[in-house]
Every structure is written in C-alpha cells, then in structure tokens.
N, C-alpha and C. Protein backbone atom coordinates (compact mmCIF):
# COMPACT_ATOMS: atom_id res chain seq x y z
N MET A 1 94.87 207.53 -26.70
CA MET A 1 93.94 206.93 -27.63
C MET A 1 94.60 205.77 -28.36
N GLY A 2 93.87 204.64 -28.51
CA GLY A 2 94.42 203.48 -29.18
C GLY A 2 94.46 203.65 -30.69
N THR A 3 95.11 202.72 -31.34
CA THR A 3 95.21 202.74 -32.79
C THR A 3 93.91 202.27 -33.41
N GLN A 4 93.42 202.99 -34.38
CA GLN A 4 92.19 202.58 -35.06
C GLN A 4 92.48 201.45 -36.04
N PHE A 5 91.55 200.51 -36.12
CA PHE A 5 91.72 199.38 -37.03
C PHE A 5 90.37 198.85 -37.45
N GLN A 6 90.36 198.08 -38.51
CA GLN A 6 89.14 197.46 -39.01
C GLN A 6 89.34 195.95 -39.06
N VAL A 7 88.39 195.21 -38.53
CA VAL A 7 88.45 193.75 -38.56
C VAL A 7 87.66 193.26 -39.77
N VAL A 8 88.30 192.42 -40.57
CA VAL A 8 87.64 191.83 -41.73
C VAL A 8 87.58 190.32 -41.49
N GLU A 9 86.40 189.81 -41.14
CA GLU A 9 86.26 188.39 -40.85
C GLU A 9 86.38 187.57 -42.13
N GLN A 10 86.92 186.35 -41.98
CA GLN A 10 87.13 185.47 -43.12
C GLN A 10 86.44 184.14 -42.90
N ASP A 11 85.82 183.64 -43.95
CA ASP A 11 85.28 182.28 -43.93
C ASP A 11 86.42 181.38 -44.40
N THR A 12 87.02 180.63 -43.47
CA THR A 12 88.20 179.84 -43.82
C THR A 12 87.87 178.64 -44.72
N THR A 13 86.58 178.35 -44.90
CA THR A 13 86.20 177.28 -45.82
C THR A 13 85.95 177.83 -47.23
N ASN A 14 85.90 179.15 -47.34
CA ASN A 14 85.69 179.81 -48.63
C ASN A 14 86.50 181.10 -48.63
N LYS A 15 87.80 180.95 -48.79
CA LYS A 15 88.73 182.06 -48.60
C LYS A 15 88.57 183.15 -49.66
N SER A 16 88.58 184.37 -49.19
CA SER A 16 88.35 185.51 -50.08
C SER A 16 89.59 185.82 -50.91
N PRO A 17 89.40 186.50 -52.05
CA PRO A 17 90.55 186.95 -52.84
C PRO A 17 91.50 187.83 -52.04
N LEU A 18 90.94 188.63 -51.11
CA LEU A 18 91.78 189.48 -50.27
C LEU A 18 92.76 188.64 -49.46
N LEU A 19 92.26 187.57 -48.82
CA LEU A 19 93.13 186.71 -48.03
C LEU A 19 94.15 185.99 -48.92
N LEU A 20 93.67 185.43 -50.02
CA LEU A 20 94.56 184.66 -50.90
C LEU A 20 95.64 185.53 -51.52
N ASN A 21 95.31 186.78 -51.81
CA ASN A 21 96.32 187.69 -52.36
C ASN A 21 97.26 188.22 -51.29
N SER A 22 96.74 188.35 -50.06
CA SER A 22 97.54 188.92 -48.97
C SER A 22 98.50 187.90 -48.37
N ASN A 23 98.11 186.63 -48.39
CA ASN A 23 98.96 185.56 -47.87
C ASN A 23 99.01 184.43 -48.90
N ALA A 24 99.68 184.71 -49.99
CA ALA A 24 99.71 183.77 -51.11
C ALA A 24 100.47 182.48 -50.79
N ILE A 25 101.36 182.52 -49.81
CA ILE A 25 102.17 181.34 -49.48
C ILE A 25 101.37 180.34 -48.64
N TYR A 26 100.87 180.79 -47.48
CA TYR A 26 100.17 179.89 -46.57
C TYR A 26 98.65 179.92 -46.71
N LYS A 27 98.13 181.02 -47.28
CA LYS A 27 96.69 181.16 -47.53
C LYS A 27 95.87 180.99 -46.25
N LYS A 28 96.33 181.60 -45.17
CA LYS A 28 95.60 181.46 -43.91
C LYS A 28 95.65 182.77 -43.11
N ILE A 29 94.77 182.84 -42.13
CA ILE A 29 94.73 183.98 -41.23
C ILE A 29 95.62 183.68 -40.03
N PRO A 30 96.04 184.73 -39.30
CA PRO A 30 95.72 186.14 -39.49
C PRO A 30 96.66 186.84 -40.48
N VAL A 31 96.16 187.94 -41.02
CA VAL A 31 96.96 188.83 -41.85
C VAL A 31 96.69 190.25 -41.38
N LEU A 32 97.73 191.02 -41.18
CA LEU A 32 97.60 192.45 -40.87
C LEU A 32 97.96 193.22 -42.13
N ILE A 33 97.07 194.10 -42.56
CA ILE A 33 97.36 194.95 -43.71
C ILE A 33 97.56 196.37 -43.21
N HIS A 34 98.77 196.87 -43.37
CA HIS A 34 99.12 198.22 -42.90
C HIS A 34 99.79 198.97 -44.04
N ASN A 35 99.31 200.16 -44.31
CA ASN A 35 99.82 200.94 -45.44
C ASN A 35 99.76 200.13 -46.74
N GLN A 36 98.67 199.36 -46.88
CA GLN A 36 98.40 198.54 -48.07
C GLN A 36 99.42 197.41 -48.27
N LYS A 37 100.15 197.08 -47.20
CA LYS A 37 101.12 195.99 -47.27
C LYS A 37 100.74 194.91 -46.27
N PRO A 38 100.70 193.64 -46.70
CA PRO A 38 100.31 192.56 -45.79
C PRO A 38 101.47 192.06 -44.93
N ILE A 39 101.17 191.78 -43.67
CA ILE A 39 102.12 191.14 -42.76
C ILE A 39 101.44 189.87 -42.27
N CYS A 40 102.10 188.72 -42.44
CA CYS A 40 101.49 187.42 -42.16
C CYS A 40 102.16 186.72 -40.97
N GLU A 41 101.40 185.82 -40.36
CA GLU A 41 101.83 184.98 -39.24
C GLU A 41 101.76 185.75 -37.91
N SER A 42 101.15 185.11 -36.93
CA SER A 42 100.86 185.75 -35.65
C SER A 42 102.06 186.39 -34.97
N LEU A 43 103.14 185.61 -34.80
CA LEU A 43 104.31 186.13 -34.10
C LEU A 43 104.93 187.32 -34.84
N VAL A 44 104.96 187.24 -36.15
CA VAL A 44 105.51 188.33 -36.95
C VAL A 44 104.65 189.57 -36.80
N ILE A 45 103.33 189.38 -36.82
CA ILE A 45 102.39 190.51 -36.68
C ILE A 45 102.56 191.19 -35.33
N ILE A 46 102.67 190.41 -34.26
CA ILE A 46 102.81 190.98 -32.93
C ILE A 46 104.08 191.84 -32.83
N GLU A 47 105.19 191.32 -33.35
CA GLU A 47 106.43 192.08 -33.29
C GLU A 47 106.35 193.33 -34.17
N TYR A 48 105.67 193.23 -35.30
CA TYR A 48 105.50 194.38 -36.18
C TYR A 48 104.71 195.47 -35.47
N ILE A 49 103.63 195.07 -34.79
CA ILE A 49 102.83 196.04 -34.03
C ILE A 49 103.66 196.70 -32.95
N ASP A 50 104.46 195.89 -32.25
CA ASP A 50 105.29 196.41 -31.16
C ASP A 50 106.30 197.43 -31.66
N GLU A 51 106.86 197.18 -32.84
CA GLU A 51 107.88 198.07 -33.38
C GLU A 51 107.30 199.29 -34.09
N THR A 52 106.09 199.15 -34.60
CA THR A 52 105.48 200.23 -35.38
C THR A 52 104.77 201.25 -34.51
N TRP A 53 104.02 200.76 -33.51
CA TRP A 53 103.28 201.66 -32.63
C TRP A 53 103.95 201.66 -31.26
N LYS A 54 104.95 202.48 -31.12
CA LYS A 54 105.69 202.57 -29.86
C LYS A 54 104.80 203.18 -28.78
N ASN A 55 104.85 202.60 -27.59
CA ASN A 55 104.11 203.18 -26.47
C ASN A 55 104.82 202.85 -25.18
N ALA A 56 104.22 203.28 -24.08
CA ALA A 56 104.87 203.12 -22.77
C ALA A 56 104.83 201.68 -22.27
N THR A 57 104.05 200.84 -22.91
CA THR A 57 103.94 199.44 -22.50
C THR A 57 104.32 198.54 -23.66
N PRO A 58 105.61 198.31 -23.87
CA PRO A 58 106.04 197.45 -24.98
C PRO A 58 105.59 196.01 -24.79
N ILE A 59 105.37 195.32 -25.89
CA ILE A 59 104.96 193.91 -25.84
C ILE A 59 106.16 193.04 -25.52
N LEU A 60 107.29 193.31 -26.17
CA LEU A 60 108.52 192.57 -25.90
C LEU A 60 109.38 193.35 -24.92
N PRO A 61 110.13 192.65 -24.06
CA PRO A 61 111.03 193.33 -23.13
C PRO A 61 112.09 194.13 -23.90
N LEU A 62 112.61 195.15 -23.28
CA LEU A 62 113.65 195.95 -23.92
C LEU A 62 115.02 195.30 -23.77
N ASP A 63 115.22 194.58 -22.66
CA ASP A 63 116.49 193.90 -22.43
C ASP A 63 116.67 192.78 -23.46
N PRO A 64 117.81 192.72 -24.15
CA PRO A 64 118.02 191.72 -25.20
C PRO A 64 117.85 190.28 -24.73
N TYR A 65 118.37 189.96 -23.52
CA TYR A 65 118.24 188.60 -23.03
C TYR A 65 116.79 188.26 -22.73
N GLU A 66 116.09 189.16 -22.03
CA GLU A 66 114.69 188.92 -21.71
C GLU A 66 113.84 188.83 -22.97
N LYS A 67 114.20 189.60 -23.99
CA LYS A 67 113.49 189.55 -25.27
C LYS A 67 113.70 188.18 -25.93
N ALA A 68 114.92 187.68 -25.87
CA ALA A 68 115.22 186.37 -26.45
C ALA A 68 114.45 185.27 -25.72
N VAL A 69 114.37 185.37 -24.41
CA VAL A 69 113.63 184.39 -23.62
C VAL A 69 112.14 184.42 -23.98
N ALA A 70 111.58 185.62 -24.11
CA ALA A 70 110.16 185.75 -24.48
C ALA A 70 109.91 185.13 -25.85
N ARG A 71 110.83 185.36 -26.79
CA ARG A 71 110.67 184.79 -28.14
C ARG A 71 110.75 183.26 -28.09
N PHE A 72 111.63 182.75 -27.24
CA PHE A 72 111.76 181.30 -27.09
C PHE A 72 110.45 180.68 -26.64
N TRP A 73 109.85 181.26 -25.58
CA TRP A 73 108.62 180.70 -25.03
C TRP A 73 107.44 180.91 -25.96
N ALA A 74 107.44 182.00 -26.69
CA ALA A 74 106.37 182.23 -27.67
C ALA A 74 106.43 181.17 -28.76
N LYS A 75 107.64 180.84 -29.20
CA LYS A 75 107.81 179.80 -30.22
C LYS A 75 107.41 178.43 -29.65
N PHE A 76 107.74 178.19 -28.39
CA PHE A 76 107.36 176.95 -27.74
C PHE A 76 105.84 176.81 -27.73
N VAL A 77 105.15 177.89 -27.35
CA VAL A 77 103.67 177.87 -27.33
C VAL A 77 103.12 177.52 -28.71
N GLU A 78 103.63 178.19 -29.73
CA GLU A 78 103.14 177.98 -31.09
C GLU A 78 103.36 176.54 -31.56
N GLU A 79 104.58 176.04 -31.36
CA GLU A 79 104.95 174.74 -31.93
C GLU A 79 104.53 173.55 -31.07
N LYS A 80 104.65 173.70 -29.75
CA LYS A 80 104.42 172.56 -28.86
C LYS A 80 103.03 172.51 -28.26
N PHE A 81 102.29 173.62 -28.37
CA PHE A 81 100.95 173.60 -27.80
C PHE A 81 99.87 173.97 -28.82
N THR A 82 99.97 175.15 -29.42
CA THR A 82 98.92 175.59 -30.34
C THR A 82 98.77 174.65 -31.52
N GLU A 83 99.87 174.28 -32.16
CA GLU A 83 99.81 173.37 -33.30
C GLU A 83 99.29 172.00 -32.88
N VAL A 84 99.69 171.56 -31.69
CA VAL A 84 99.23 170.26 -31.18
C VAL A 84 97.72 170.30 -30.91
N MET A 85 97.23 171.42 -30.36
CA MET A 85 95.80 171.53 -30.08
C MET A 85 94.97 171.50 -31.35
N ARG A 86 95.50 172.04 -32.44
CA ARG A 86 94.79 171.95 -33.72
C ARG A 86 94.62 170.48 -34.11
N LYS A 87 95.66 169.69 -33.89
CA LYS A 87 95.60 168.27 -34.22
C LYS A 87 94.64 167.53 -33.29
N VAL A 88 94.58 167.95 -32.03
CA VAL A 88 93.64 167.34 -31.08
C VAL A 88 92.21 167.47 -31.59
N VAL A 89 91.88 168.65 -32.07
CA VAL A 89 90.52 168.91 -32.54
C VAL A 89 90.20 168.17 -33.83
N PHE A 90 91.22 168.01 -34.68
CA PHE A 90 90.96 167.47 -36.01
C PHE A 90 91.37 166.01 -36.20
N THR A 91 91.61 165.31 -35.09
CA THR A 91 91.93 163.88 -35.20
C THR A 91 91.05 163.09 -34.24
N LYS A 92 91.21 161.79 -34.26
CA LYS A 92 90.45 160.94 -33.34
C LYS A 92 91.24 159.66 -33.07
N GLY A 93 90.75 158.86 -32.13
CA GLY A 93 91.38 157.58 -31.84
C GLY A 93 92.78 157.72 -31.26
N GLU A 94 93.67 156.81 -31.66
CA GLU A 94 95.03 156.77 -31.12
C GLU A 94 95.80 158.04 -31.45
N GLN A 95 95.58 158.58 -32.64
CA GLN A 95 96.27 159.81 -33.02
C GLN A 95 95.87 160.95 -32.10
N GLN A 96 94.60 161.06 -31.79
CA GLN A 96 94.14 162.11 -30.90
C GLN A 96 94.70 161.91 -29.49
N GLU A 97 94.72 160.67 -29.03
CA GLU A 97 95.28 160.38 -27.69
C GLU A 97 96.74 160.83 -27.61
N LYS A 98 97.50 160.60 -28.68
CA LYS A 98 98.90 161.02 -28.73
C LYS A 98 99.02 162.54 -28.64
N GLU A 99 98.16 163.24 -29.38
CA GLU A 99 98.21 164.70 -29.38
C GLU A 99 97.78 165.27 -28.03
N VAL A 100 96.78 164.65 -27.41
CA VAL A 100 96.33 165.08 -26.08
C VAL A 100 97.46 164.95 -25.07
N LYS A 101 98.19 163.86 -25.12
CA LYS A 101 99.33 163.64 -24.21
C LYS A 101 100.38 164.73 -24.40
N GLU A 102 100.68 165.05 -25.67
CA GLU A 102 101.68 166.09 -25.94
C GLU A 102 101.21 167.45 -25.47
N ALA A 103 99.92 167.74 -25.64
CA ALA A 103 99.37 169.02 -25.21
C ALA A 103 99.45 169.16 -23.69
N LYS A 104 99.14 168.09 -22.98
CA LYS A 104 99.21 168.11 -21.51
C LYS A 104 100.65 168.31 -21.04
N GLU A 105 101.58 167.65 -21.70
CA GLU A 105 103.00 167.79 -21.33
C GLU A 105 103.47 169.22 -21.55
N ALA A 106 103.06 169.82 -22.67
CA ALA A 106 103.43 171.21 -22.94
C ALA A 106 102.81 172.15 -21.92
N MET A 107 101.58 171.87 -21.53
CA MET A 107 100.89 172.68 -20.52
C MET A 107 101.64 172.65 -19.19
N GLU A 108 102.15 171.48 -18.81
CA GLU A 108 102.88 171.36 -17.55
C GLU A 108 104.22 172.08 -17.62
N VAL A 109 104.85 172.09 -18.78
CA VAL A 109 106.09 172.85 -18.96
C VAL A 109 105.81 174.34 -18.79
N LEU A 110 104.73 174.82 -19.39
CA LEU A 110 104.35 176.23 -19.27
C LEU A 110 103.98 176.58 -17.83
N GLU A 111 103.37 175.63 -17.13
CA GLU A 111 103.05 175.83 -15.71
C GLU A 111 104.33 176.14 -14.92
N GLY A 112 105.39 175.39 -15.21
CA GLY A 112 106.66 175.61 -14.52
C GLY A 112 107.27 176.96 -14.83
N GLU A 113 107.11 177.43 -16.07
CA GLU A 113 107.64 178.74 -16.46
C GLU A 113 106.84 179.88 -15.84
N LEU A 114 105.55 179.70 -15.68
CA LEU A 114 104.68 180.75 -15.14
C LEU A 114 104.71 180.82 -13.62
N LYS A 115 105.01 179.74 -12.95
CA LYS A 115 104.89 179.62 -11.49
C LYS A 115 105.43 180.84 -10.75
N GLY A 116 104.60 181.41 -9.89
CA GLY A 116 105.02 182.55 -9.08
C GLY A 116 104.77 183.91 -9.71
N LYS A 117 104.24 183.92 -10.95
CA LYS A 117 104.01 185.18 -11.65
C LYS A 117 102.53 185.34 -12.01
N LYS A 118 102.09 186.59 -12.09
CA LYS A 118 100.72 186.87 -12.51
C LYS A 118 100.55 186.61 -14.00
N PHE A 119 101.53 187.11 -14.76
CA PHE A 119 101.56 186.90 -16.21
C PHE A 119 102.94 186.40 -16.59
N PHE A 120 103.05 185.84 -17.78
CA PHE A 120 104.37 185.42 -18.25
C PHE A 120 105.30 186.62 -18.35
N GLY A 121 104.71 187.78 -18.62
CA GLY A 121 105.50 189.01 -18.70
C GLY A 121 105.75 189.65 -17.35
N GLY A 122 105.33 189.01 -16.26
CA GLY A 122 105.52 189.57 -14.91
C GLY A 122 104.21 190.13 -14.39
N ASP A 123 104.22 191.42 -14.05
CA ASP A 123 103.00 192.06 -13.55
C ASP A 123 102.09 192.54 -14.68
N LYS A 124 102.62 192.56 -15.89
CA LYS A 124 101.81 192.98 -17.03
C LYS A 124 101.99 191.97 -18.16
N ILE A 125 101.04 191.97 -19.08
CA ILE A 125 101.11 191.00 -20.17
C ILE A 125 102.22 191.35 -21.15
N GLY A 126 102.77 190.32 -21.76
CA GLY A 126 103.81 190.50 -22.76
C GLY A 126 103.57 189.56 -23.93
N LEU A 127 104.62 189.30 -24.68
CA LEU A 127 104.52 188.49 -25.89
C LEU A 127 103.92 187.10 -25.63
N VAL A 128 104.43 186.40 -24.64
CA VAL A 128 103.99 185.02 -24.37
C VAL A 128 102.51 185.00 -23.95
N ASP A 129 102.12 185.98 -23.15
CA ASP A 129 100.71 186.06 -22.73
C ASP A 129 99.79 186.24 -23.92
N ILE A 130 100.20 187.08 -24.86
CA ILE A 130 99.37 187.33 -26.05
C ILE A 130 99.30 186.08 -26.92
N VAL A 131 100.43 185.40 -27.08
CA VAL A 131 100.47 184.21 -27.94
C VAL A 131 99.64 183.07 -27.35
N LEU A 132 99.64 182.94 -26.03
CA LEU A 132 98.89 181.86 -25.37
C LEU A 132 97.50 182.30 -24.94
N GLY A 133 97.22 183.58 -25.00
CA GLY A 133 95.97 184.12 -24.45
C GLY A 133 94.70 183.50 -25.00
N TRP A 134 94.77 182.95 -26.21
CA TRP A 134 93.57 182.37 -26.82
C TRP A 134 92.96 181.26 -25.98
N ILE A 135 93.77 180.57 -25.17
CA ILE A 135 93.22 179.43 -24.42
C ILE A 135 92.21 179.88 -23.38
N SER A 136 92.30 181.13 -22.93
CA SER A 136 91.34 181.64 -21.95
C SER A 136 89.92 181.62 -22.50
N ILE A 137 89.81 181.75 -23.82
CA ILE A 137 88.50 181.78 -24.46
C ILE A 137 88.19 180.46 -25.17
N TRP A 138 89.19 179.91 -25.85
CA TRP A 138 88.96 178.80 -26.77
C TRP A 138 89.17 177.40 -26.19
N LEU A 139 90.03 177.27 -25.17
CA LEU A 139 90.41 175.92 -24.74
C LEU A 139 89.22 175.08 -24.30
N GLU A 140 88.36 175.64 -23.48
CA GLU A 140 87.18 174.90 -23.00
C GLU A 140 86.29 174.49 -24.17
N ILE A 141 86.17 175.38 -25.16
CA ILE A 141 85.36 175.09 -26.34
C ILE A 141 85.98 173.93 -27.13
N MET A 142 87.30 173.97 -27.30
CA MET A 142 88.00 172.92 -28.04
C MET A 142 87.91 171.59 -27.31
N GLU A 143 88.03 171.61 -25.99
CA GLU A 143 87.90 170.39 -25.20
C GLU A 143 86.50 169.79 -25.38
N GLU A 144 85.50 170.64 -25.31
CA GLU A 144 84.11 170.18 -25.45
C GLU A 144 83.86 169.61 -26.84
N THR A 145 84.36 170.30 -27.85
CA THR A 145 84.13 169.88 -29.23
C THR A 145 84.82 168.54 -29.53
N ALA A 146 86.05 168.39 -29.04
CA ALA A 146 86.83 167.18 -29.33
C ALA A 146 86.60 166.06 -28.31
N GLY A 147 85.87 166.36 -27.23
CA GLY A 147 85.60 165.34 -26.23
C GLY A 147 86.82 164.92 -25.44
N VAL A 148 87.67 165.90 -25.11
CA VAL A 148 88.91 165.60 -24.37
C VAL A 148 89.05 166.57 -23.20
N ARG A 149 90.05 166.29 -22.36
CA ARG A 149 90.35 167.18 -21.24
C ARG A 149 91.85 167.46 -21.27
N ILE A 150 92.22 168.73 -21.38
CA ILE A 150 93.63 169.11 -21.46
C ILE A 150 94.12 169.75 -20.17
N LEU A 151 93.36 170.75 -19.70
CA LEU A 151 93.79 171.50 -18.51
C LEU A 151 93.29 170.86 -17.23
N ASP A 152 94.24 170.46 -16.38
CA ASP A 152 93.94 169.95 -15.05
C ASP A 152 94.31 171.06 -14.07
N SER A 153 93.31 171.69 -13.46
CA SER A 153 93.57 172.84 -12.60
C SER A 153 94.37 172.48 -11.35
N GLU A 154 94.37 171.20 -10.98
CA GLU A 154 95.16 170.77 -9.82
C GLU A 154 96.63 170.63 -10.21
N LYS A 155 96.90 170.13 -11.42
CA LYS A 155 98.28 170.00 -11.88
C LYS A 155 98.85 171.33 -12.36
N CYS A 156 97.97 172.18 -12.86
CA CYS A 156 98.42 173.47 -13.43
C CYS A 156 97.64 174.62 -12.80
N PRO A 157 97.78 174.82 -11.49
CA PRO A 157 97.01 175.89 -10.83
C PRO A 157 97.41 177.29 -11.28
N TRP A 158 98.69 177.48 -11.63
CA TRP A 158 99.14 178.80 -12.07
C TRP A 158 98.58 179.15 -13.43
N ILE A 159 98.54 178.17 -14.34
CA ILE A 159 97.92 178.40 -15.65
C ILE A 159 96.44 178.70 -15.48
N HIS A 160 95.78 177.95 -14.61
CA HIS A 160 94.36 178.14 -14.36
C HIS A 160 94.08 179.56 -13.86
N LYS A 161 94.88 180.00 -12.92
CA LYS A 161 94.72 181.35 -12.37
C LYS A 161 95.07 182.40 -13.43
N TRP A 162 96.13 182.14 -14.19
CA TRP A 162 96.54 183.06 -15.25
C TRP A 162 95.43 183.27 -16.27
N MET A 163 94.72 182.20 -16.63
CA MET A 163 93.62 182.30 -17.59
C MET A 163 92.56 183.28 -17.10
N HIS A 164 92.24 183.21 -15.82
CA HIS A 164 91.26 184.15 -15.25
C HIS A 164 91.80 185.57 -15.25
N ASN A 165 93.08 185.73 -14.93
CA ASN A 165 93.69 187.07 -14.95
C ASN A 165 93.66 187.66 -16.36
N PHE A 166 93.94 186.81 -17.35
CA PHE A 166 93.99 187.28 -18.73
C PHE A 166 92.61 187.67 -19.23
N ILE A 167 91.63 186.81 -19.00
CA ILE A 167 90.29 187.07 -19.50
C ILE A 167 89.63 188.23 -18.75
N ASP A 168 90.17 188.56 -17.58
CA ASP A 168 89.62 189.65 -16.79
C ASP A 168 90.12 191.02 -17.27
N LEU A 169 91.10 191.03 -18.16
CA LEU A 169 91.57 192.29 -18.73
C LEU A 169 90.45 192.91 -19.54
N SER A 170 90.21 194.20 -19.36
CA SER A 170 89.05 194.84 -19.98
C SER A 170 89.03 194.70 -21.50
N PHE A 171 90.19 194.88 -22.14
CA PHE A 171 90.21 194.83 -23.60
C PHE A 171 90.03 193.40 -24.13
N VAL A 172 90.24 192.41 -23.28
CA VAL A 172 89.96 191.02 -23.67
C VAL A 172 88.48 190.74 -23.47
N LYS A 173 87.99 191.07 -22.29
CA LYS A 173 86.60 190.80 -21.93
C LYS A 173 85.63 191.46 -22.90
N GLU A 174 85.97 192.66 -23.36
CA GLU A 174 85.07 193.41 -24.23
C GLU A 174 85.01 192.84 -25.65
N ASN A 175 85.92 191.95 -26.01
CA ASN A 175 86.00 191.46 -27.38
C ASN A 175 85.77 189.96 -27.52
N ILE A 176 85.21 189.34 -26.49
CA ILE A 176 84.95 187.90 -26.54
C ILE A 176 83.66 187.64 -27.31
N PRO A 177 83.71 186.83 -28.36
CA PRO A 177 82.48 186.49 -29.11
C PRO A 177 81.56 185.65 -28.23
N PRO A 178 80.26 185.60 -28.56
CA PRO A 178 79.32 184.76 -27.80
C PRO A 178 79.77 183.30 -27.81
N ARG A 179 79.58 182.62 -26.68
CA ARG A 179 80.06 181.25 -26.54
C ARG A 179 79.42 180.31 -27.56
N ASP A 180 78.11 180.46 -27.80
CA ASP A 180 77.44 179.56 -28.73
C ASP A 180 78.01 179.69 -30.15
N ARG A 181 78.48 180.87 -30.49
CA ARG A 181 79.09 181.08 -31.80
C ARG A 181 80.42 180.33 -31.90
N LEU A 182 81.19 180.36 -30.80
CA LEU A 182 82.47 179.66 -30.77
C LEU A 182 82.27 178.15 -30.86
N VAL A 183 81.29 177.64 -30.12
CA VAL A 183 81.00 176.21 -30.13
C VAL A 183 80.59 175.78 -31.54
N HIS A 184 79.70 176.53 -32.15
CA HIS A 184 79.23 176.21 -33.50
C HIS A 184 80.39 176.20 -34.49
N TYR A 185 81.30 177.17 -34.36
CA TYR A 185 82.44 177.28 -35.27
C TYR A 185 83.30 176.02 -35.21
N TYR A 186 83.66 175.58 -34.00
CA TYR A 186 84.52 174.41 -33.88
C TYR A 186 83.80 173.12 -34.22
N GLN A 187 82.52 173.04 -33.91
CA GLN A 187 81.76 171.85 -34.29
C GLN A 187 81.73 171.71 -35.81
N GLN A 188 81.57 172.83 -36.49
CA GLN A 188 81.48 172.82 -37.95
C GLN A 188 82.81 172.42 -38.59
N ILE A 189 83.91 173.02 -38.13
CA ILE A 189 85.18 172.71 -38.77
C ILE A 189 85.66 171.31 -38.40
N ARG A 190 85.31 170.83 -37.19
CA ARG A 190 85.67 169.45 -36.84
C ARG A 190 84.88 168.46 -37.70
N GLN A 191 83.61 168.75 -37.89
CA GLN A 191 82.77 167.88 -38.72
C GLN A 191 83.30 167.83 -40.15
N ASN A 192 83.69 168.98 -40.68
CA ASN A 192 84.24 169.03 -42.03
C ASN A 192 85.54 168.23 -42.13
N GLN A 193 86.38 168.38 -41.09
CA GLN A 193 87.65 167.67 -41.09
C GLN A 193 87.46 166.16 -40.99
N MET A 194 86.52 165.76 -40.14
CA MET A 194 86.23 164.34 -39.98
C MET A 194 85.66 163.74 -41.27
N SER A 195 84.84 164.52 -41.99
CA SER A 195 84.28 164.06 -43.26
C SER A 195 85.39 163.81 -44.28
N CYS A 196 86.37 164.73 -44.29
CA CYS A 196 87.52 164.56 -45.20
C CYS A 196 88.34 163.33 -44.81
N PHE A 197 88.47 163.12 -43.49
CA PHE A 197 89.24 161.98 -42.97
C PHE A 197 88.60 160.66 -43.38
N LEU A 198 87.27 160.59 -43.26
CA LEU A 198 86.54 159.36 -43.56
C LEU A 198 86.50 159.06 -45.06
N SER A 199 86.59 160.13 -45.87
CA SER A 199 86.50 159.93 -47.32
C SER A 199 87.81 159.46 -47.93
N LYS A 200 88.90 159.49 -47.13
CA LYS A 200 90.21 159.08 -47.66
C LYS A 200 90.34 157.56 -47.70
C-alpha cells in the first residue's frame, strides 16, 4: 500500500498564509509538510521522501558513485533546462531566442546521457526521471503557449521515446490534469508576466 497524502493546490498569484509560512524564504511551491514540518524545494523533497519511506524501489541508487552521478544530472536538469524553460515562457524577442537556444542545447546533452536506456535510472525510473518527468506533460503546453519549438524528435529520439515511456507509467497517467486546464494556466501566467514586462 502506498503512502497516504493530501494535495493542497495553491494559487501562485495569491499565495496562501500556509505557503508563505511554510516557505518563508522563497515563498514558492512545492512544499511537503510532514509531521507538521515543512520541507522545501523539489530536489530536497524527493531525497527526503526516498530516505523517509524506505521501500524495495529506491529513488536514488544505493551505490555512492551512481548516487553522485544521479544528483549531478538532476541538478543539471534543474539549472540548465527547467529554469531556462521558465524564462522561455516568460520572455519574448531576443531574450526568448537566447533561452530557447540554451534549452535546446541542454536537451541535446540529456539526449546523450539517456541514449541506449529506457529511463535515466536504467530499466526503472530514478531521481533524474522524476526531476525531468514534467516535460512529458508540460513541454508541449509550454511550447504552444510561448510560440516556440524545443524538442526535435529527430535530434533527440531517445528523449522523445523516454517521454512516452514516462507518461505511460500508470501512476503518471492517472494523475495528469486535463489539457485545457494546463493550457489555460500557462496562458494566464504568461499574460500576467508580459503585462508586468510592458509596464516597466
């Protein structure tokens, strides 16, 4: 039986006292609250879950070297791709073109790391798969919203195949929000960001 949990959705344009009190430094999601104590930042939360709820399928490798390698690539995903994609959505013109170029370059680096494997973790998902897994659901939406193209399935066939493998996992498939909701979400936050940009 899996661990029971409750999801508390947040309006990031009108942050709740719970979020602001739980993550007083960065004031952003995600936050995991366990035993009435908040744990902040995605990578930290994943490792906390892995260490707290021990099971037969660990998220991080047990071997110290393989664990270090997984942490390296997870950090690469966060800094060189995820953060860049946020800028792609919230910028335009030359700045957006620069971010798109960086995102594509990072994608090609990840393609080289994944080549020959079903998942970054091998035959089963691991830390890097979880950290990058959002693109299986969100990337197409972000591309549509920002009017750009990041993933070239001919240049990155392994990433393309990996996305299908990831989204085909039952626990992923069962928790995907409706597409129109995702599109509306990104259209709204991009519009808000662009309004702030134009008012400066």
